[in-house]
Amino acid sequence: MKHTGVVTTAFSICTALSFLAGIVLLLNIRAVPKYTRMIDTGKEIVAAVLDMQLQEKNYLLYHREDALDRVKDEMDKLRKLHSFYEKPAISEKESAVLELDVWEEAMNLYERLFDQFVLYRKAVEKSVADIRELEKSILAVIYSKMNPERGIIALQEVRIHEKGYMLYRNYPEPPDERPFFDKRKEAVSNLLVWAHEDKRIEELMGQDNKLFDEIINNYEWQDNTILALRRESEKIKNTGEKFLEEGNKRLQISYRRCTYLSITLLIMWLIMAVAIAGTRFRL
């Protein structure tokens, strides 16, 4: 009878411990969807940033207007993801760990910078179009003069060096090569010398120089804005990686807890079964 009482007490303790372990297991299992969603969110953030960077290049290199809509669509997707994790969906501690404030600030700044980037790009395109339109007037004056061939060659040199600047402005210049800007100034000077102080050519080339200066300024602002865009997109991407890291870490913790508790329960009940069997054998 004494052994039976001990076994009964042990059985009661094991039952109580199993109940508590079951609650812990249930809580960890219920948290799994939350962590898997966190991982999925991280993947979506990283994918959205990569697509935004791709669309920036499509717009910059190929002038694809649909790329602007794609960037806005991806930003809308990011904002919906962010709104899901606003309070009270998660605690203040979790918000700090996932850096939601940094994420929101980076998105706000990215949108403003992207609008500036588009404006600078359109300003460059407008100035280039204005130069092409102005060139018709310059050519008309050149053709009205004697021996226009030299004037046309000088104007072509101006345009070649302009295109050289636009294409290679972000590449390091060879040490033995003059900047395209200096070469263009020399080509403009040669054109004016050929024109023999023709006021019409001087006035038109003055307008041409002004438009080219605007192109240079807008390109510089555009390139600086692109660098700022990349910094902000990297911040957003880092947030996505933070979601992936945090989700995987918590999922692994839950998995280990469930594994340890299951093994502990199995060992505890095996011992209990052996004890019951031993008691019955003695009886």
C-alpha atoms as a PDB file:
ATOM      1  CA  MET A   1       0.000   0.000   0.000  1.00  0.00           C
ATOM      2  CA  LYS A   2       2.894   2.301   0.809  1.00  0.00           C
ATOM      3  CA  HIS A   3       4.330   1.842  -2.696  1.00  0.00           C
ATOM      4  CA  THR A   4       0.906   2.442  -4.199  1.00  0.00           C
ATOM      5  CA  GLY A   5       0.627   5.783  -2.388  1.00  0.00           C
ATOM      6  CA  VAL A   6       4.052   6.871  -3.626  1.00  0.00           C
ATOM      7  CA  VAL A   7       3.174   5.914  -7.182  1.00  0.00           C
ATOM      8  CA  THR A   8      -0.139   7.759  -6.930  1.00  0.00           C
ATOM      9  CA  THR A   9       1.609  10.890  -5.694  1.00  0.00           C
ATOM     10  CA  ALA A  10       4.240  10.639  -8.441  1.00  0.00           C
ATOM     11  CA  PHE A  11       1.495  10.108 -11.000  1.00  0.00           C
ATOM     12  CA  SER A  12      -0.281  13.243  -9.808  1.00  0.00           C
ATOM     13  CA  ILE A  13       2.948  15.263  -9.989  1.00  0.00           C
ATOM     14  CA  CYS A  14       3.671  13.974 -13.502  1.00  0.00           C
ATOM     15  CA  THR A  15       0.129  14.832 -14.576  1.00  0.00           C
ATOM     16  CA  ALA A  16       0.466  18.387 -13.224  1.00  0.00           C
ATOM     17  CA  LEU A  17       3.871  18.826 -14.875  1.00  0.00           C
ATOM     18  CA  SER A  18       2.485  17.444 -18.135  1.00  0.00           C
ATOM     19  CA  PHE A  19      -0.362  19.947 -17.963  1.00  0.00           C
ATOM     20  CA  LEU A  20       2.082  22.853 -17.472  1.00  0.00           C
ATOM     21  CA  ALA A  21       4.364  21.536 -20.223  1.00  0.00           C
ATOM     22  CA  GLY A  22       1.355  21.185 -22.512  1.00  0.00           C
ATOM     23  CA  ILE A  23       0.478  24.853 -21.946  1.00  0.00           C
ATOM     24  CA  VAL A  24       4.064  25.889 -22.773  1.00  0.00           C
ATOM     25  CA  LEU A  25       4.040  23.676 -25.865  1.00  0.00           C
ATOM     26  CA  LEU A  26       0.729  25.127 -26.991  1.00  0.00           C
ATOM     27  CA  LEU A  27       1.968  28.702 -26.559  1.00  0.00           C
ATOM     28  CA  ASN A  28       5.105  27.968 -28.597  1.00  0.00           C
ATOM     29  CA  ILE A  29       3.134  26.192 -31.326  1.00  0.00           C
ATOM     30  CA  ARG A  30       0.656  29.081 -31.531  1.00  0.00           C
ATOM     31  CA  ALA A  31       3.589  31.483 -31.964  1.00  0.00           C
ATOM     32  CA  VAL A  32       4.946  29.602 -35.004  1.00  0.00           C
ATOM     33  CA  PRO A  33       2.627  31.332 -37.558  1.00  0.00           C
ATOM     34  CA  LYS A  34       3.705  34.707 -36.177  1.00  0.00           C
ATOM     35  CA  TYR A  35       7.370  33.875 -36.693  1.00  0.00           C
ATOM     36  CA  THR A  36       6.832  32.380 -40.145  1.00  0.00           C
ATOM     37  CA  ARG A  37       4.945  35.544 -41.135  1.00  0.00           C
ATOM     38  CA  MET A  38       7.891  37.558 -39.842  1.00  0.00           C
ATOM     39  CA  ILE A  39      10.216  35.550 -42.101  1.00  0.00           C
ATOM     40  CA  ASP A  40       7.867  35.984 -45.071  1.00  0.00           C
ATOM     41  CA  THR A  41       7.730  39.728 -44.372  1.00  0.00           C
ATOM     42  CA  GLY A  42      11.526  39.909 -44.417  1.00  0.00           C
ATOM     43  CA  LYS A  43      11.621  38.113 -47.761  1.00  0.00           C
ATOM     44  CA  GLU A  44       8.979  40.462 -49.189  1.00  0.00           C
ATOM     45  CA  ILE A  45      10.871  43.556 -47.998  1.00  0.00           C
ATOM     46  CA  VAL A  46      14.151  42.399 -49.550  1.00  0.00           C
ATOM     47  CA  ALA A  47      12.401  41.424 -52.806  1.00  0.00           C
ATOM     48  CA  ALA A  48      10.618  44.801 -52.955  1.00  0.00           C
ATOM     49  CA  VAL A  49      13.875  46.722 -52.455  1.00  0.00           C
ATOM     50  CA  LEU A  50      15.656  44.718 -55.147  1.00  0.00           C
ATOM     51  CA  ASP A  51      12.795  45.359 -57.580  1.00  0.00           C
ATOM     52  CA  MET A  52      12.819  49.086 -56.754  1.00  0.00           C
ATOM     53  CA  GLN A  53      16.551  49.265 -57.457  1.00  0.00           C
ATOM     54  CA  LEU A  54      16.005  47.441 -60.750  1.00  0.00           C
ATOM     55  CA  GLN A  55      13.231  49.846 -61.763  1.00  0.00           C
ATOM     56  CA  GLU A  56      15.461  52.831 -60.937  1.00  0.00           C
ATOM     57  CA  LYS A  57      18.009  51.501 -63.429  1.00  0.00           C
ATOM     58  CA  ASN A  58      15.299  50.804 -66.016  1.00  0.00           C
ATOM     59  CA  TYR A  59      14.124  54.401 -65.785  1.00  0.00           C
ATOM     60  CA  LEU A  60      17.637  55.835 -65.739  1.00  0.00           C
ATOM     61  CA  LEU A  61      19.044  53.782 -68.621  1.00  0.00           C
ATOM     62  CA  TYR A  62      16.021  53.042 -70.789  1.00  0.00           C
ATOM     63  CA  HIS A  63      13.643  55.940 -69.915  1.00  0.00           C
ATOM     64  CA  ARG A  64      10.846  53.490 -69.126  1.00  0.00           C
ATOM     65  CA  GLU A  65       7.960  55.443 -67.635  1.00  0.00           C
ATOM     66  CA  ASP A  66       6.297  52.252 -66.356  1.00  0.00           C
ATOM     67  CA  ALA A  67       9.274  51.833 -64.019  1.00  0.00           C
ATOM     68  CA  LEU A  68       8.000  54.811 -61.995  1.00  0.00           C
ATOM     69  CA  ASP A  69       4.669  53.061 -61.393  1.00  0.00           C
ATOM     70  CA  ARG A  70       6.460  49.853 -60.408  1.00  0.00           C
ATOM     71  CA  VAL A  71       8.483  51.707 -57.782  1.00  0.00           C
ATOM     72  CA  LYS A  72       5.317  53.282 -56.343  1.00  0.00           C
ATOM     73  CA  ASP A  73       3.592  49.881 -56.292  1.00  0.00           C
ATOM     74  CA  GLU A  74       6.489  48.358 -54.368  1.00  0.00           C
ATOM     75  CA  MET A  75       6.463  51.273 -51.922  1.00  0.00           C
ATOM     76  CA  ASP A  76       2.720  50.782 -51.349  1.00  0.00           C
ATOM     77  CA  LYS A  77       3.411  47.116 -50.629  1.00  0.00           C
ATOM     78  CA  LEU A  78       6.097  48.069 -48.101  1.00  0.00           C
ATOM     79  CA  ARG A  79       3.741  50.495 -46.355  1.00  0.00           C
ATOM     80  CA  LYS A  80       1.046  47.820 -46.041  1.00  0.00           C
ATOM     81  CA  LEU A  81       3.589  45.463 -44.507  1.00  0.00           C
ATOM     82  CA  HIS A  82       4.685  48.184 -42.097  1.00  0.00           C
ATOM     83  CA  SER A  83       1.109  48.997 -41.066  1.00  0.00           C
ATOM     84  CA  PHE A  84       0.548  45.352 -40.112  1.00  0.00           C
ATOM     85  CA  TYR A  85       3.295  45.586 -37.481  1.00  0.00           C
ATOM     86  CA  GLU A  86       2.154  48.854 -35.933  1.00  0.00           C
ATOM     87  CA  LYS A  87       0.901  48.900 -32.351  1.00  0.00           C
ATOM     88  CA  PRO A  88      -0.885  47.101 -30.790  1.00  0.00           C
ATOM     89  CA  ALA A  89      -0.043  44.220 -33.161  1.00  0.00           C
ATOM     90  CA  ILE A  90       3.404  43.951 -31.556  1.00  0.00           C
ATOM     91  CA  SER A  91       4.941  45.208 -28.348  1.00  0.00           C
ATOM     92  CA  GLU A  92       7.165  48.245 -28.015  1.00  0.00           C
ATOM     93  CA  LYS A  93      10.140  45.967 -27.371  1.00  0.00           C
ATOM     94  CA  GLU A  94       9.525  44.003 -30.563  1.00  0.00           C
ATOM     95  CA  SER A  95       9.094  47.266 -32.474  1.00  0.00           C
ATOM     96  CA  ALA A  96      12.517  48.416 -31.270  1.00  0.00           C
ATOM     97  CA  VAL A  97      14.154  45.082 -32.141  1.00  0.00           C
ATOM     98  CA  LEU A  98      12.691  45.111 -35.653  1.00  0.00           C
ATOM     99  CA  GLU A  99      13.586  48.832 -36.055  1.00  0.00           C
ATOM    100  CA  LEU A 100      10.151  49.815 -37.327  1.00  0.00           C
ATOM    101  CA  ASP A 101      10.860  53.525 -36.770  1.00  0.00           C
ATOM    102  CA  VAL A 102      14.010  53.301 -38.931  1.00  0.00           C
ATOM    103  CA  TRP A 103      12.009  51.451 -41.580  1.00  0.00           C
ATOM    104  CA  GLU A 104       9.267  54.100 -41.680  1.00  0.00           C
ATOM    105  CA  GLU A 105      11.742  56.991 -41.744  1.00  0.00           C
ATOM    106  CA  ALA A 106      13.705  55.347 -44.584  1.00  0.00           C
ATOM    107  CA  MET A 107      10.513  54.841 -46.621  1.00  0.00           C
ATOM    108  CA  ASN A 108       9.439  58.474 -46.150  1.00  0.00           C
ATOM    109  CA  LEU A 109      12.854  59.788 -47.169  1.00  0.00           C
ATOM    110  CA  TYR A 110      13.092  57.350 -50.086  1.00  0.00           C
ATOM    111  CA  GLU A 111       9.800  58.610 -51.538  1.00  0.00           C
ATOM    112  CA  ARG A 112      10.898  62.256 -51.330  1.00  0.00           C
ATOM    113  CA  LEU A 113      14.293  61.466 -52.846  1.00  0.00           C
ATOM    114  CA  PHE A 114      12.738  59.427 -55.634  1.00  0.00           C
ATOM    115  CA  ASP A 115      10.476  62.342 -56.598  1.00  0.00           C
ATOM    116  CA  GLN A 116      13.557  64.596 -56.703  1.00  0.00           C
ATOM    117  CA  PHE A 117      15.434  62.039 -58.785  1.00  0.00           C
ATOM    118  CA  VAL A 118      12.615  61.996 -61.357  1.00  0.00           C
ATOM    119  CA  LEU A 119      12.522  65.815 -61.480  1.00  0.00           C
ATOM    120  CA  TYR A 120      16.276  66.079 -62.074  1.00  0.00           C
ATOM    121  CA  ARG A 121      16.118  63.398 -64.753  1.00  0.00           C
ATOM    122  CA  LYS A 122      13.263  65.153 -66.554  1.00  0.00           C
ATOM    123  CA  ALA A 123      15.138  68.470 -66.274  1.00  0.00           C
ATOM    124  CA  VAL A 124      18.152  66.876 -67.996  1.00  0.00           C
ATOM    125  CA  GLU A 125      15.946  65.471 -70.746  1.00  0.00           C
ATOM    126  CA  LYS A 126      14.301  68.856 -71.262  1.00  0.00           C
ATOM    127  CA  SER A 127      17.660  70.633 -71.526  1.00  0.00           C
ATOM    128  CA  VAL A 128      18.894  68.041 -74.032  1.00  0.00           C
ATOM    129  CA  ALA A 129      15.721  68.528 -76.094  1.00  0.00           C
ATOM    130  CA  ASP A 130      16.197  72.322 -75.935  1.00  0.00           C
ATOM    131  CA  ILE A 131      19.790  71.972 -77.175  1.00  0.00           C
ATOM    132  CA  ARG A 132      18.628  69.843 -80.100  1.00  0.00           C
ATOM    133  CA  GLU A 133      16.003  72.448 -80.965  1.00  0.00           C
ATOM    134  CA  LEU A 134      18.550  75.242 -80.629  1.00  0.00           C
ATOM    135  CA  GLU A 135      20.931  73.355 -82.907  1.00  0.00           C
ATOM    136  CA  LYS A 136      18.548  73.874 -85.821  1.00  0.00           C
ATOM    137  CA  SER A 137      18.978  77.648 -85.491  1.00  0.00           C
ATOM    138  CA  ILE A 138      22.760  77.299 -85.146  1.00  0.00           C
ATOM    139  CA  LEU A 139      22.948  75.137 -88.273  1.00  0.00           C
ATOM    140  CA  ALA A 140      20.753  77.607 -90.180  1.00  0.00           C
ATOM    141  CA  VAL A 141      23.245  80.400 -89.417  1.00  0.00           C
ATOM    142  CA  ILE A 142      26.228  78.160 -90.260  1.00  0.00           C
ATOM    143  CA  TYR A 143      24.735  77.206 -93.632  1.00  0.00           C
ATOM    144  CA  SER A 144      24.158  80.879 -94.424  1.00  0.00           C
ATOM    145  CA  LYS A 145      27.904  81.574 -94.246  1.00  0.00           C
ATOM    146  CA  MET A 146      30.745  80.799 -96.632  1.00  0.00           C
ATOM    147  CA  ASN A 147      32.425  77.412 -96.258  1.00  0.00           C
ATOM    148  CA  PRO A 148      29.972  75.983 -93.703  1.00  0.00           C
ATOM    149  CA  GLU A 149      31.835  72.652 -93.545  1.00  0.00           C
ATOM    150  CA  ARG A 150      34.339  73.871 -90.927  1.00  0.00           C
ATOM    151  CA  GLY A 151      31.544  75.315 -88.821  1.00  0.00           C
ATOM    152  CA  ILE A 152      29.592  72.034 -88.960  1.00  0.00           C
ATOM    153  CA  ILE A 153      32.705  70.086 -87.928  1.00  0.00           C
ATOM    154  CA  ALA A 154      33.279  72.476 -84.996  1.00  0.00           C
ATOM    155  CA  LEU A 155      29.641  72.082 -83.896  1.00  0.00           C
ATOM    156  CA  GLN A 156      29.902  68.305 -84.168  1.00  0.00           C
ATOM    157  CA  GLU A 157      32.969  68.407 -81.893  1.00  0.00           C
ATOM    158  CA  VAL A 158      30.936  70.383 -79.358  1.00  0.00           C
ATOM    159  CA  ARG A 159      28.240  67.722 -79.394  1.00  0.00           C
ATOM    160  CA  ILE A 160      30.718  64.827 -79.242  1.00  0.00           C
ATOM    161  CA  HIS A 161      32.311  66.201 -76.073  1.00  0.00           C
ATOM    162  CA  GLU A 162      28.879  66.855 -74.566  1.00  0.00           C
ATOM    163  CA  LYS A 163      27.925  63.224 -75.162  1.00  0.00           C
ATOM    164  CA  GLY A 164      31.281  62.112 -73.804  1.00  0.00           C
ATOM    165  CA  TYR A 165      30.554  63.972 -70.576  1.00  0.00           C
ATOM    166  CA  MET A 166      27.035  62.487 -70.292  1.00  0.00           C
ATOM    167  CA  LEU A 167      28.222  58.925 -70.913  1.00  0.00           C
ATOM    168  CA  TYR A 168      31.464  58.886 -68.918  1.00  0.00           C
ATOM    169  CA  ARG A 169      30.974  61.520 -66.205  1.00  0.00           C
ATOM    170  CA  ASN A 170      30.969  58.847 -63.460  1.00  0.00           C
ATOM    171  CA  TYR A 171      34.054  57.079 -64.740  1.00  0.00           C
ATOM    172  CA  PRO A 172      37.577  58.057 -63.609  1.00  0.00           C
ATOM    173  CA  GLU A 173      39.322  60.192 -66.199  1.00  0.00           C
ATOM    174  CA  PRO A 174      42.613  58.915 -67.633  1.00  0.00           C
ATOM    175  CA  PRO A 175      45.546  60.919 -66.218  1.00  0.00           C
ATOM    176  CA  ASP A 176      46.737  62.013 -69.657  1.00  0.00           C
ATOM    177  CA  GLU A 177      43.259  63.015 -70.901  1.00  0.00           C
ATOM    178  CA  ARG A 178      41.597  66.411 -70.558  1.00  0.00           C
ATOM    179  CA  PRO A 179      38.077  66.590 -69.120  1.00  0.00           C
ATOM    180  CA  PHE A 180      35.231  66.593 -71.645  1.00  0.00           C
ATOM    181  CA  PHE A 181      34.119  69.965 -70.317  1.00  0.00           C
ATOM    182  CA  ASP A 182      37.455  71.541 -71.285  1.00  0.00           C
ATOM    183  CA  LYS A 183      37.357  69.861 -74.697  1.00  0.00           C
ATOM    184  CA  ARG A 184      33.870  71.234 -75.278  1.00  0.00           C
ATOM    185  CA  LYS A 185      34.983  74.769 -74.360  1.00  0.00           C
ATOM    186  CA  GLU A 186      37.793  74.495 -76.892  1.00  0.00           C
ATOM    187  CA  ALA A 187      35.359  73.235 -79.561  1.00  0.00           C
ATOM    188  CA  VAL A 188      33.022  76.184 -78.832  1.00  0.00           C
ATOM    189  CA  SER A 189      35.984  78.561 -79.098  1.00  0.00           C
ATOM    190  CA  ASN A 190      36.946  77.055 -82.470  1.00  0.00           C
ATOM    191  CA  LEU A 191      33.373  77.519 -83.711  1.00  0.00           C
ATOM    192  CA  LEU A 192      33.355  81.183 -82.643  1.00  0.00           C
ATOM    193  CA  VAL A 193      36.752  81.784 -84.305  1.00  0.00           C
ATOM    194  CA  TRP A 194      35.393  80.310 -87.527  1.00  0.00           C
ATOM    195  CA  ALA A 195      32.292  82.524 -87.259  1.00  0.00           C
ATOM    196  CA  HIS A 196      34.496  85.703 -87.339  1.00  0.00           C
ATOM    197  CA  GLU A 197      32.626  87.455 -84.463  1.00  0.00           C
ATOM    198  CA  ASP A 198      29.220  86.753 -85.921  1.00  0.00           C
ATOM    199  CA  LYS A 199      26.826  88.049 -83.226  1.00  0.00           C
ATOM    200  CA  ARG A 200      24.186  85.502 -84.218  1.00  0.00           C
ATOM    201  CA  ILE A 201      26.513  82.552 -83.554  1.00  0.00           C
ATOM    202  CA  GLU A 202      27.795  84.138 -80.330  1.00  0.00           C
ATOM    203  CA  GLU A 203      24.267  84.660 -79.008  1.00  0.00           C
ATOM    204  CA  LEU A 204      23.116  81.160 -79.960  1.00  0.00           C
ATOM    205  CA  MET A 205      26.212  79.493 -78.477  1.00  0.00           C
ATOM    206  CA  GLY A 206      25.707  81.543 -75.310  1.00  0.00           C
ATOM    207  CA  GLN A 207      22.266  79.959 -74.988  1.00  0.00           C
ATOM    208  CA  ASP A 208      23.801  76.574 -75.797  1.00  0.00           C
ATOM    209  CA  ASN A 209      26.423  77.009 -73.055  1.00  0.00           C
ATOM    210  CA  LYS A 210      23.731  77.971 -70.554  1.00  0.00           C
ATOM    211  CA  LEU A 211      21.702  74.866 -71.364  1.00  0.00           C
ATOM    212  CA  PHE A 212      24.769  72.662 -71.045  1.00  0.00           C
ATOM    213  CA  ASP A 213      25.570  74.200 -67.640  1.00  0.00           C
ATOM    214  CA  GLU A 214      22.025  73.336 -66.564  1.00  0.00           C
ATOM    215  CA  ILE A 215      22.591  69.754 -67.733  1.00  0.00           C
ATOM    216  CA  ILE A 216      25.793  69.538 -65.673  1.00  0.00           C
ATOM    217  CA  ASN A 217      24.083  70.888 -62.545  1.00  0.00           C
ATOM    218  CA  ASN A 218      21.074  68.610 -62.907  1.00  0.00           C
ATOM    219  CA  TYR A 219      23.300  65.590 -63.536  1.00  0.00           C
ATOM    220  CA  GLU A 220      25.267  66.367 -60.377  1.00  0.00           C
ATOM    221  CA  TRP A 221      22.069  66.683 -58.326  1.00  0.00           C
ATOM    222  CA  GLN A 222      20.696  63.531 -59.947  1.00  0.00           C
ATOM    223  CA  ASP A 223      23.822  61.513 -59.150  1.00  0.00           C
ATOM    224  CA  ASN A 224      23.855  62.767 -55.546  1.00  0.00           C
ATOM    225  CA  THR A 225      20.176  61.865 -55.220  1.00  0.00           C
ATOM    226  CA  ILE A 226      20.842  58.364 -56.577  1.00  0.00           C
ATOM    227  CA  LEU A 227      23.502  57.842 -53.903  1.00  0.00           C
ATOM    228  CA  ALA A 228      21.047  58.999 -51.234  1.00  0.00           C
ATOM    229  CA  LEU A 229      18.383  56.672 -52.672  1.00  0.00           C
ATOM    230  CA  ARG A 230      20.764  53.744 -52.405  1.00  0.00           C
ATOM    231  CA  ARG A 231      21.505  54.564 -48.766  1.00  0.00           C
ATOM    232  CA  GLU A 232      17.816  54.631 -47.875  1.00  0.00           C
ATOM    233  CA  SER A 233      17.012  51.482 -49.863  1.00  0.00           C
ATOM    234  CA  GLU A 234      19.829  49.704 -48.014  1.00  0.00           C
ATOM    235  CA  LYS A 235      18.266  50.775 -44.709  1.00  0.00           C
ATOM    236  CA  ILE A 236      14.947  49.286 -45.813  1.00  0.00           C
ATOM    237  CA  LYS A 237      16.707  46.140 -46.984  1.00  0.00           C
ATOM    238  CA  ASN A 238      18.524  45.876 -43.649  1.00  0.00           C
ATOM    239  CA  THR A 239      15.126  46.001 -41.944  1.00  0.00           C
ATOM    240  CA  GLY A 240      14.006  43.058 -44.091  1.00  0.00           C
ATOM    241  CA  GLU A 241      17.120  41.152 -43.106  1.00  0.00           C
ATOM    242  CA  LYS A 242      16.367  42.016 -39.465  1.00  0.00           C
ATOM    243  CA  PHE A 243      12.909  40.443 -39.874  1.00  0.00           C
ATOM    244  CA  LEU A 244      14.468  37.323 -41.401  1.00  0.00           C
ATOM    245  CA  GLU A 245      17.058  37.063 -38.658  1.00  0.00           C
ATOM    246  CA  GLU A 246      14.599  37.658 -35.820  1.00  0.00           C
ATOM    247  CA  GLY A 247      11.941  35.330 -37.264  1.00  0.00           C
ATOM    248  CA  ASN A 248      14.421  32.492 -37.818  1.00  0.00           C
ATOM    249  CA  LYS A 249      15.925  32.964 -34.349  1.00  0.00           C
ATOM    250  CA  ARG A 250      12.556  32.853 -32.595  1.00  0.00           C
ATOM    251  CA  LEU A 251      11.399  29.927 -34.694  1.00  0.00           C
ATOM    252  CA  GLN A 252      14.511  27.977 -33.721  1.00  0.00           C
ATOM    253  CA  ILE A 253      13.978  28.831 -30.047  1.00  0.00           C
ATOM    254  CA  SER A 254      10.376  27.598 -30.208  1.00  0.00           C
ATOM    255  CA  TYR A 255      11.505  24.441 -31.993  1.00  0.00           C
ATOM    256  CA  ARG A 256      14.146  23.729 -29.323  1.00  0.00           C
ATOM    257  CA  ARG A 257      11.659  24.369 -26.509  1.00  0.00           C
ATOM    258  CA  CYS A 258       9.113  22.017 -28.038  1.00  0.00           C
ATOM    259  CA  THR A 259      11.789  19.376 -28.618  1.00  0.00           C
ATOM    260  CA  TYR A 260      13.187  19.569 -25.068  1.00  0.00           C
ATOM    261  CA  LEU A 261       9.743  19.544 -23.477  1.00  0.00           C
ATOM    262  CA  SER A 262       8.609  16.593 -25.582  1.00  0.00           C
ATOM    263  CA  ILE A 263      11.728  14.601 -24.707  1.00  0.00           C
ATOM    264  CA  THR A 264      11.355  15.516 -21.019  1.00  0.00           C
ATOM    265  CA  LEU A 265       7.721  14.422 -21.005  1.00  0.00           C
ATOM    266  CA  LEU A 266       8.597  11.182 -22.768  1.00  0.00           C
ATOM    267  CA  ILE A 267      11.384  10.362 -20.280  1.00  0.00           C
ATOM    268  CA  MET A 268       9.211  11.344 -17.299  1.00  0.00           C
ATOM    269  CA  TRP A 269       6.345   9.088 -18.369  1.00  0.00           C
ATOM    270  CA  LEU A 270       8.703   6.252 -19.242  1.00  0.00           C
ATOM    271  CA  ILE A 271      10.085   6.427 -15.714  1.00  0.00           C
ATOM    272  CA  MET A 272       6.538   6.591 -14.392  1.00  0.00           C
ATOM    273  CA  ALA A 273       5.550   3.558 -16.455  1.00  0.00           C
ATOM    274  CA  VAL A 274       8.552   1.613 -15.170  1.00  0.00           C
ATOM    275  CA  ALA A 275       7.675   2.585 -11.578  1.00  0.00           C
ATOM    276  CA  ILE A 276       4.043   1.470 -11.989  1.00  0.00           C
ATOM    277  CA  ALA A 277       5.145  -1.786 -13.568  1.00  0.00           C
ATOM    278  CA  GLY A 278       7.614  -2.378 -10.724  1.00  0.00           C
ATOM    279  CA  THR A 279       4.939  -1.697  -8.107  1.00  0.00           C
ATOM    280  CA  ARG A 280       2.511  -4.124  -9.676  1.00  0.00           C
ATOM    281  CA  PHE A 281       5.267  -6.737  -9.890  1.00  0.00           C
ATOM    282  CA  ARG A 282       5.971  -6.411  -6.166  1.00  0.00           C
ATOM    283  CA  LEU A 283       2.270  -6.682  -5.404  1.00  0.00           C
END
